[in-house]
Protein backbone atom coordinates (compact mmCIF):
# COMPACT_ATOMS: atom_id res chain seq x y z
CA UNK A 1 30.65 6.05 -13.68
CA UNK A 2 27.74 8.20 -11.69
CA UNK A 3 27.44 11.87 -12.18
CA UNK A 4 28.26 13.92 -9.33
CA UNK A 5 25.14 15.88 -8.35
CA UNK A 6 24.90 19.65 -8.87
CA UNK A 7 23.97 21.14 -5.57
CA UNK A 8 24.73 24.82 -6.10
CA UNK A 9 22.77 27.46 -7.86
CA UNK A 10 24.52 30.70 -9.56
CA UNK A 11 24.23 32.47 -6.09
CA UNK A 12 25.73 29.36 -4.19
CA UNK A 13 28.74 29.22 -6.29
CA UNK A 14 29.82 33.14 -5.26
CA UNK A 15 29.82 31.76 -1.32
CA UNK A 16 31.00 28.51 -2.10
CA UNK A 17 34.06 29.05 0.20
CA UNK A 18 31.84 29.63 3.27
CA UNK A 19 29.75 26.78 2.73
CA UNK A 20 32.69 24.22 1.84
CA UNK A 21 34.11 25.42 5.19
CA UNK A 22 30.71 24.79 7.48
CA UNK A 23 30.20 21.01 5.27
CA UNK A 24 34.15 20.51 6.06
CA UNK A 25 33.43 20.52 9.84
CA UNK A 26 29.89 18.31 9.29
CA UNK A 27 32.34 15.57 7.60
CA UNK A 28 34.95 16.14 10.53
CA UNK A 29 31.92 15.11 13.03
CA UNK A 30 31.91 18.49 14.74
CA UNK A 31 28.52 18.44 14.41
CA UNK A 32 27.26 21.08 16.61
CA UNK A 33 29.80 23.39 15.00
CA UNK A 34 28.50 22.99 11.73
CA UNK A 35 25.03 23.62 12.84
CA UNK A 36 25.78 27.07 14.09
CA UNK A 37 27.94 27.83 10.81
CA UNK A 38 25.13 26.67 8.57
CA UNK A 39 22.83 28.55 10.69
CA UNK A 40 24.84 31.89 10.27
CA UNK A 41 24.79 31.20 6.74
CA UNK A 42 20.94 31.05 6.54
CA UNK A 43 20.50 34.00 8.38
CA UNK A 44 23.12 35.94 6.44
CA UNK A 45 21.81 34.07 3.06
CA UNK A 46 17.96 33.23 3.44
CA UNK A 47 17.84 32.54 -0.38
CA UNK A 48 20.79 29.70 -0.22
CA UNK A 49 19.41 26.44 -0.80
CA UNK A 50 22.82 25.09 -0.29
CA UNK A 51 23.02 26.52 3.19
CA UNK A 52 19.97 25.13 3.96
CA UNK A 53 20.32 21.90 3.16
CA UNK A 54 23.39 21.85 5.01
CA UNK A 55 21.62 23.01 8.17
CA UNK A 56 18.99 20.02 7.41
CA UNK A 57 21.67 17.46 7.41
CA UNK A 58 23.60 19.23 10.56
CA UNK A 59 20.30 18.80 12.21
CA UNK A 60 19.70 15.38 11.03
CA UNK A 61 23.22 14.37 12.02
CA UNK A 62 22.51 16.05 15.73
CA UNK A 63 19.06 14.05 15.93
CA UNK A 64 21.04 10.73 15.37
CA UNK A 65 23.93 11.85 17.84
CA UNK A 66 21.09 12.76 20.58
CA UNK A 67 18.65 10.21 19.83
CA UNK A 68 16.05 13.25 19.26
CA UNK A 69 12.69 12.98 17.25
CA UNK A 70 12.11 16.59 17.95
CA UNK A 71 15.59 17.43 16.65
CA UNK A 72 14.83 15.01 13.71
CA UNK A 73 11.25 16.47 13.14
CA UNK A 74 13.39 20.02 12.64
CA UNK A 75 15.33 18.62 10.03
CA UNK A 76 12.69 17.44 8.03
CA UNK A 77 10.98 20.60 8.09
CA UNK A 78 14.40 22.50 6.91
CA UNK A 79 14.49 19.68 4.08
CA UNK A 80 11.02 20.72 2.97
CA UNK A 81 12.13 24.36 3.14
CA UNK A 82 14.90 23.91 0.53
CA UNK A 83 12.69 22.78 -2.08
CA UNK A 84 10.39 26.11 -1.83
CA UNK A 85 13.49 28.43 -2.24
CA UNK A 86 13.92 30.14 -5.75
CA UNK A 87 16.23 28.33 -8.08
CA UNK A 88 17.30 25.10 -6.35
CA UNK A 89 18.62 23.20 -8.63
CA UNK A 90 16.79 19.90 -9.11
CA UNK A 91 19.52 17.57 -8.16
CA UNK A 92 19.24 19.25 -4.76
CA UNK A 93 15.26 18.63 -4.70
CA UNK A 94 15.86 15.28 -5.26
CA UNK A 95 18.53 14.69 -2.07
CA UNK A 96 16.32 17.01 -0.06
CA UNK A 97 12.88 15.44 -0.79
CA UNK A 98 14.29 11.92 -0.46
CA UNK A 99 16.04 12.13 2.43
CA UNK A 100 12.86 13.69 4.17
CA UNK A 101 10.48 11.04 2.90
CA UNK A 102 13.06 8.56 4.36
CA UNK A 103 13.59 10.55 7.65
CA UNK A 104 9.59 10.61 7.97
CA UNK A 105 9.48 6.86 7.45
CA UNK A 106 12.11 6.48 10.04
CA UNK A 107 9.40 8.51 12.53
CA UNK A 108 6.62 6.39 11.54
CA UNK A 109 5.13 9.41 9.67
CA UNK A 110 4.20 6.90 6.91
CA UNK A 111 1.39 9.13 5.20
CA UNK A 112 3.90 12.27 5.63
CA UNK A 113 6.47 10.24 3.85
CA UNK A 114 3.78 9.75 0.96
CA UNK A 115 2.99 12.98 0.64
CA UNK A 116 6.49 14.00 0.21
CA UNK A 117 7.07 11.02 -2.35
CA UNK A 118 4.06 11.96 -4.29
CA UNK A 119 5.88 15.40 -4.92
CA UNK A 120 8.92 13.76 -6.19
CA UNK A 121 6.93 11.95 -8.70
CA UNK A 122 5.26 14.97 -9.62
CA UNK A 123 8.58 17.09 -10.19
CA UNK A 124 10.37 14.52 -11.63
CA UNK A 125 7.88 12.04 -13.67
CA UNK A 126 10.61 10.49 -15.85
CA UNK A 127 12.31 9.26 -12.63
CA UNK A 128 11.41 5.56 -12.30
CA UNK A 129 13.42 5.24 -8.99
CA UNK A 130 11.10 7.71 -7.16
CA UNK A 131 8.12 5.93 -8.37
CA UNK A 132 9.70 2.46 -6.98
CA UNK A 133 9.93 4.81 -3.48
CA UNK A 134 6.38 5.85 -4.00
CA UNK A 135 5.29 2.13 -4.16
CA UNK A 136 7.09 1.19 -1.01
CA UNK A 137 5.40 4.08 0.47
CA UNK A 138 2.09 2.62 -0.23
CA UNK A 139 3.20 -0.62 0.84
CA UNK A 140 4.20 0.78 4.14
CA UNK A 141 0.42 1.93 5.05
CA UNK A 142 -0.98 -1.37 3.51
CA UNK A 143 -2.38 -0.04 0.48
CA UNK A 144 -1.34 -2.66 -2.52
CA UNK A 145 -3.91 -1.78 -5.02
CA UNK A 146 -2.09 1.87 -5.23
CA UNK A 147 1.33 0.51 -4.84
CA UNK A 148 0.04 -2.28 -7.65
CA UNK A 149 -0.43 1.11 -10.13
CA UNK A 150 2.57 2.57 -9.18
CA UNK A 151 4.78 -1.08 -10.12
CA UNK A 152 2.54 -1.12 -13.10
CA UNK A 153 3.42 2.23 -14.59
CA UNK A 154 7.09 1.71 -13.60
CA UNK A 155 6.83 -1.61 -15.74
CA UNK A 156 5.59 0.14 -18.74
CA UNK A 157 8.12 2.65 -18.73
CA UNK A 158 10.94 0.21 -17.98
CA UNK A 159 10.00 -2.94 -18.91
CA UNK A 160 13.17 -4.43 -17.12
CA UNK A 161 13.25 -2.71 -13.71
CA UNK A 162 14.11 -5.43 -11.39
CA UNK A 163 13.12 -3.38 -8.03
CA UNK A 164 9.43 -2.87 -9.72
CA UNK A 165 9.24 -6.66 -10.49
CA UNK A 166 9.86 -7.92 -7.24
CA UNK A 167 7.97 -5.70 -5.69
CA UNK A 168 5.04 -6.32 -8.19
CA UNK A 169 5.40 -9.96 -8.05
CA UNK A 170 5.46 -10.07 -4.06
CA UNK A 171 1.85 -7.98 -4.75
CA UNK A 172 0.63 -10.58 -6.71
CA UNK A 173 1.42 -13.40 -4.57
CA UNK A 174 -0.31 -11.45 -1.68
CA UNK A 175 -3.48 -11.57 -4.06
CA UNK A 176 -3.14 -15.06 -3.93
CA UNK A 177 -1.95 -15.12 -7.78
CA UNK A 178 0.60 -17.89 -7.36
CA UNK A 179 1.25 -18.67 -10.72
CA UNK A 180 1.33 -14.95 -11.90
CA UNK A 181 3.66 -13.66 -9.15
CA UNK A 182 6.52 -16.31 -10.05
CA UNK A 183 7.81 -14.73 -13.36
CA UNK A 184 8.20 -11.10 -11.72
CA UNK A 185 9.75 -12.31 -8.76
CA UNK A 186 12.25 -14.77 -10.69
CA UNK A 187 13.12 -12.15 -13.30
CA UNK A 188 13.40 -9.32 -10.56
CA UNK A 189 15.89 -11.09 -8.50
CA UNK A 190 17.93 -12.28 -11.70
CA UNK A 191 18.46 -8.67 -12.55
CA UNK A 192 20.59 -8.16 -9.60
CA UNK A 193 19.12 -4.52 -9.35
CA UNK A 194 19.64 -2.68 -6.24
CA UNK A 195 16.74 -3.58 -3.22
CA UNK A 196 16.42 -6.86 -4.92
CA UNK A 197 18.52 -8.87 -2.97
CA UNK A 198 16.15 -9.06 0.14
CA UNK A 199 15.25 -12.52 1.96
CA UNK A 200 11.29 -12.00 1.56
CA UNK A 201 11.59 -12.21 -2.23
CA UNK A 202 13.74 -14.96 -1.94
CA UNK A 203 11.03 -16.34 0.84
CA UNK A 204 7.91 -15.56 -1.12
CA UNK A 205 9.56 -17.20 -4.85
CA UNK A 206 10.46 -20.05 -3.28
CA UNK A 207 6.72 -20.70 -1.19
CA UNK A 208 5.32 -19.72 -4.67
CA UNK A 209 7.33 -22.42 -6.63
CA UNK A 210 6.20 -24.89 -4.05
CA UNK A 211 2.49 -24.27 -4.14
CA UNK A 212 2.81 -24.76 -7.98
CA UNK A 213 4.65 -28.17 -7.02
CA UNK A 214 7.69 -27.04 -8.29
CA UNK A 215 10.95 -28.91 -6.87
CA UNK A 216 13.24 -25.53 -8.08
CA UNK A 217 11.64 -23.88 -5.05
CA UNK A 218 14.67 -25.45 -2.93
CA UNK A 219 17.24 -23.70 -5.77
CA UNK A 220 16.02 -20.26 -4.64
CA UNK A 221 16.01 -21.00 -0.81
CA UNK A 222 19.43 -22.34 -1.35
CA UNK A 223 20.53 -19.18 -3.33
CA UNK A 224 18.91 -17.08 -0.01
CA UNK A 225 20.45 -18.92 2.26
CA UNK A 226 23.89 -18.68 0.26
CA UNK A 227 23.49 -14.91 0.50
CA UNK A 228 22.78 -14.77 4.31
CA UNK A 229 19.12 -14.22 4.51
CA UNK A 230 18.26 -18.23 5.83
CA UNK A 231 20.19 -19.27 8.58
CA UNK A 232 19.68 -22.91 6.29
CA UNK A 233 17.75 -23.98 3.18
CA UNK A 234 15.38 -25.55 6.00
CA UNK A 235 15.25 -22.95 8.44
CA UNK A 236 14.00 -19.48 7.19
CA UNK A 237 12.44 -16.96 9.18
CA UNK A 238 13.81 -13.76 8.87
CA UNK A 239 13.44 -12.14 12.28
CA UNK A 240 16.24 -13.86 14.08
CA UNK A 241 18.68 -13.81 16.60
CA UNK A 242 22.27 -15.37 15.47
CA UNK A 243 23.72 -18.19 17.33
CA UNK A 244 20.36 -19.86 18.64
CA UNK A 245 20.81 -23.70 19.00
CA UNK A 246 18.99 -24.76 15.42
CA UNK A 247 17.21 -28.47 14.84
CA UNK A 248 13.81 -29.06 13.90
CA UNK A 249 12.52 -31.43 16.52
CA UNK A 250 13.28 -30.72 20.45
CA UNK A 251 12.73 -33.34 23.82
CA UNK A 252 11.36 -31.95 26.50
CA UNK A 253 14.68 -32.19 28.59
CA UNK A 254 16.70 -30.33 25.38
CA UNK A 255 14.63 -27.23 26.02
CA UNK A 256 14.53 -27.10 30.05
CA UNK A 257 10.82 -26.53 30.26
CA UNK A 258 10.11 -30.13 31.78
CA UNK A 259 7.97 -29.18 34.33
CA UNK A 260 5.67 -27.21 31.75
CA UNK A 261 5.83 -30.25 29.44
CA UNK A 262 5.04 -32.47 32.75
CA UNK A 263 1.86 -29.99 33.73
CA UNK A 264 0.57 -29.97 30.30
CA UNK A 265 0.76 -34.06 30.01
CA UNK A 266 -0.51 -34.10 33.31
CA UNK A 267 -3.88 -31.73 32.57
CA UNK A 268 -4.37 -32.63 29.27
CA UNK A 269 -8.06 -34.12 29.75
CA UNK A 270 -8.65 -30.82 31.68
CA UNK A 271 -7.38 -29.19 28.94
CA UNK A 272 -9.19 -30.73 26.25
CA UNK A 273 -12.57 -30.68 28.35
CA UNK A 274 -12.52 -26.62 28.43
CA UNK A 275 -11.49 -26.65 24.74
CA UNK A 276 -14.48 -28.84 23.65
CA UNK A 277 -16.84 -26.92 25.95
CA UNK A 278 -15.83 -23.64 23.90
CA UNK A 279 -16.34 -25.92 20.43
CA UNK A 280 -19.60 -27.10 21.55
CA UNK A 281 -21.06 -23.84 22.06
CA UNK A 282 -23.49 -22.45 19.19
CA UNK A 283 -21.49 -19.22 18.34
CA UNK A 284 -18.00 -21.12 18.27
CA UNK A 285 -15.10 -18.70 19.31
CA UNK A 286 -12.59 -20.65 17.03
CA UNK A 287 -11.60 -18.34 14.34
CA UNK A 288 -10.50 -19.79 10.97
CA UNK A 289 -6.76 -19.76 10.80
CA UNK A 290 -6.05 -16.25 8.45
CA UNK A 291 -2.60 -16.51 6.81
CA UNK A 292 -3.23 -18.09 4.00
CA UNK A 293 -1.41 -21.31 4.75
CA UNK A 294 -4.05 -23.72 3.77
CA UNK A 295 -3.81 -25.10 -0.01
CA UNK A 296 -7.63 -26.72 1.15
CA UNK A 297 -9.90 -27.73 4.07
CA UNK A 298 -10.99 -25.95 7.37
CA UNK A 299 -8.74 -25.21 10.22
CA UNK A 300 -9.34 -22.68 13.18
CA UNK A 301 -8.17 -21.83 16.28
CA UNK A 302 -9.02 -20.26 19.45
CA UNK A 303 -6.22 -17.74 20.99
CA UNK A 304 -5.36 -17.53 24.90
CA UNK A 305 -2.34 -15.36 24.46
CA UNK A 306 -0.83 -13.60 21.91
CA UNK A 307 2.36 -11.47 21.51
CA UNK A 308 3.07 -12.18 25.45
CA UNK A 309 -0.57 -10.62 25.97
CA UNK A 310 -3.68 -12.51 27.66
CA UNK A 311 -6.84 -12.65 25.97
CA UNK A 312 -8.96 -11.83 29.14
CA UNK A 313 -12.24 -12.91 27.31
CA UNK A 314 -11.10 -15.86 25.79
CA UNK A 315 -9.40 -17.04 29.36
CA UNK A 316 -13.11 -16.23 30.96
CA UNK A 317 -14.00 -19.60 28.62
CA UNK A 318 -11.40 -21.79 29.89
CA UNK A 319 -10.21 -20.56 33.20
CA UNK A 320 -8.33 -23.48 34.47
CA UNK A 321 -6.35 -23.95 31.72
CA UNK A 322 -5.37 -20.41 31.82
CA UNK A 323 -4.72 -20.88 35.39
CA UNK A 324 -2.55 -23.55 34.79
CA UNK A 325 -0.76 -21.38 31.93
CA UNK A 326 0.04 -18.59 34.86
CA UNK A 327 2.88 -20.28 36.40
CA UNK A 328 5.26 -20.69 33.13
CA UNK A 329 6.09 -17.27 32.22
CA UNK A 330 8.50 -18.73 29.25
CA UNK A 331 5.49 -19.17 27.51
CA UNK A 332 2.83 -16.66 28.60
CA UNK A 333 5.52 -14.09 28.30
CA UNK A 334 6.86 -15.03 24.65
CA UNK A 335 6.26 -11.89 23.21
CA UNK A 336 6.90 -13.72 19.79
CA UNK A 337 4.54 -16.32 19.93
CA UNK A 338 0.88 -17.49 21.02
CA UNK A 339 -0.84 -20.18 23.11
CA UNK A 340 -3.83 -21.31 21.49
CA UNK A 341 -6.50 -24.32 21.19
CA UNK A 342 -6.20 -25.45 17.25
CA UNK A 343 -8.88 -28.08 15.39
CA UNK A 344 -8.56 -29.45 11.88
CA UNK A 345 -10.94 -31.22 9.84
CA UNK A 346 -10.69 -33.94 7.72
CA UNK A 347 -9.59 -33.07 4.28
CA UNK A 348 -7.13 -30.25 4.96
CA UNK A 349 -3.62 -29.76 4.02
CA UNK A 350 -1.51 -27.08 5.23
CA UNK A 351 1.29 -25.73 2.98
CA UNK A 352 5.21 -26.18 3.73
CA UNK A 353 5.73 -22.84 5.46
CA UNK A 354 8.44 -21.24 7.90
CA UNK A 355 7.26 -19.33 10.95
CA UNK A 356 8.54 -15.90 11.31
CA UNK A 357 11.38 -16.07 13.87
CA UNK A 358 13.90 -18.50 15.67
CA UNK A 359 13.12 -16.96 18.68
CA UNK A 360 10.69 -19.72 19.96
CA UNK A 361 10.04 -23.26 20.19
CA UNK A 362 6.27 -24.79 19.38
CA UNK A 363 4.62 -27.20 21.80
CA UNK A 364 1.59 -29.38 20.50
CA UNK A 365 -0.57 -31.48 23.26
CA UNK A 366 -2.59 -33.77 21.61
CA UNK A 367 -6.27 -33.91 22.84
CA UNK A 368 -8.33 -35.49 20.43
CA UNK A 369 -6.31 -37.31 17.75
CA UNK A 370 -8.19 -39.82 14.87
CA UNK A 371 -6.29 -43.26 14.93
CA UNK A 372 -4.64 -42.45 12.04
CA UNK A 373 -4.68 -40.14 8.70
CA UNK A 374 -2.92 -37.04 10.72
CA UNK A 375 0.41 -36.13 10.28
CA UNK A 376 3.18 -33.36 10.56
CA UNK A 377 6.30 -32.86 8.80
CA UNK A 378 9.05 -30.65 10.36
CA UNK A 379 12.12 -30.46 7.63
CA UNK A 380 12.94 -33.81 6.60
CA UNK A 381 10.86 -35.77 9.41
CA UNK A 382 7.51 -36.69 9.93
CA UNK A 383 5.65 -37.41 13.05
CA UNK A 384 2.18 -38.35 14.37
CA UNK A 385 0.33 -36.43 17.67
CA UNK A 386 -0.81 -38.75 20.37
CA UNK A 387 -3.47 -37.69 23.10
CA UNK A 388 -1.91 -36.29 26.15
CA UNK A 389 1.78 -36.22 24.57
CA UNK A 390 3.68 -33.31 23.93
CA UNK A 391 5.24 -32.46 20.66
CA UNK A 392 7.80 -29.90 20.28
CA UNK A 393 9.71 -28.38 17.32
CA UNK A 394 11.23 -25.34 16.19
CA UNK A 395 8.74 -23.78 13.55
CA UNK A 396 11.23 -21.69 11.75
CA UNK A 397 12.03 -24.83 9.88
CA UNK A 398 9.99 -25.73 7.22
CA UNK A 399 6.95 -27.55 8.39
CA UNK A 400 4.00 -29.13 7.09
CA UNK A 401 0.48 -30.61 7.86
CA UNK A 402 -1.97 -33.23 6.48
CA UNK A 403 -5.41 -34.17 8.07
CA UNK A 404 -6.74 -37.15 6.07
CA UNK A 405 -8.52 -38.82 9.27
CA UNK A 406 -12.19 -39.44 9.55
CA UNK A 407 -12.98 -37.03 12.02
CA UNK A 408 -11.21 -33.89 13.41
CA UNK A 409 -8.13 -33.22 14.94
CA UNK A 410 -7.68 -30.98 18.29
CA UNK A 411 -4.68 -29.89 19.76
CA UNK A 412 -2.92 -27.36 22.04
CA UNK A 413 -0.37 -24.87 20.89
CA UNK A 414 2.29 -23.52 23.39
CA UNK A 415 4.95 -21.60 21.94
CA UNK A 416 7.91 -20.35 24.79
CA UNK A 417 10.87 -18.58 24.27
CA UNK A 418 14.20 -20.34 23.01
CA UNK A 419 15.76 -21.47 25.93
CA UNK A 420 19.10 -20.07 24.98
CA UNK A 421 17.48 -16.33 25.07
CA UNK A 422 19.26 -14.43 27.66
CA UNK A 423 16.57 -12.87 30.50
CA UNK A 424 17.54 -9.17 28.86
CA UNK A 425 16.86 -10.27 25.07
CA UNK A 426 13.71 -11.75 26.45
CA UNK A 427 12.44 -8.56 27.83
CA UNK A 428 13.64 -6.46 25.29
CA UNK A 429 13.45 -8.50 21.60
CA UNK A 430 9.97 -6.75 20.13
CA UNK A 431 6.77 -8.75 19.63
CA UNK A 432 6.06 -10.52 16.51
């Protein structure tokens, strides 16, 4: 049974009745009254840590009610003041700094939060949970190497800490140490420790196993699906809108975007020729695929729209293609997708992978397709491209690509909003 934290020092025990009365108001949701009561106590007893903490909590509650970042900043400052008072019970220091760090992260003040977490770790060096939080703090600012050091430290103190294991495995996988990442991710998930039941860890463990050719991947995908992280074993995107029609392959009619498909197919040679002209330039504008999805080979892309934003410079090189697309906001306005040329050279294999969201469908227009040797699998069905024809699939389902032809393959990729999203959702869903 968890011990109740001790929040009162000797002095605060003498004003317990007043503190309890103010706290009662806060618990009843009378936030403004509670704040006034705690402010009065702070002004009467400036040395009282519990009164100061109550004030911080009330400001925190009020910030949520008012949706006010300014009020939240006040709460953050007050949590910080608690710690600087004399004779603060250690449980109260922990609660104040932990909440301060959490609220700083909420406001996007990642570096400030990191400083707060470092303070916690310095004050309580034997508490591994604070080290674990510090590791997450580093990950949030993209500092994987410091996060890695923190988790190594945790695992040297607590070798069975599941939270540290999944995060350490996650970092190893990001470093492309695929085989090494597997036991950490697996043991971390098997521990069932708080904070381990997260879709990302099932996703990365399954992916690592697949890359090692281990069919056990699907056992973990199945478990991730049962725990509600994935829409299905095959559809494993993590940024989803519930209830959207889900199938790997689509026809133009099913999407409702028949005008766009007709326009792409009718103008495919124009799109192809502009793409080839860009490819032939001495300083190619095609950039290598950078998401670590290739097992081997050469795969590059030339992006015209990203997250609903037009790349004006890129469009100068393919002006007719961009003008053609301007008529179709379902594609140019799709903030969860891209519009791009994609070239893949012989000897390329793209690992099985899933896109990040079920909010888009992906169109592939064949531009230069070798007679044989190129294929794509989505879920359990393989298809091939044809020049001048559009293939449509939902890339939130697992898909994989092979290029074993004699020459390069060039396609044009157009992402569109999932047709069942409302106008409101298309306007308000955050970009990916």
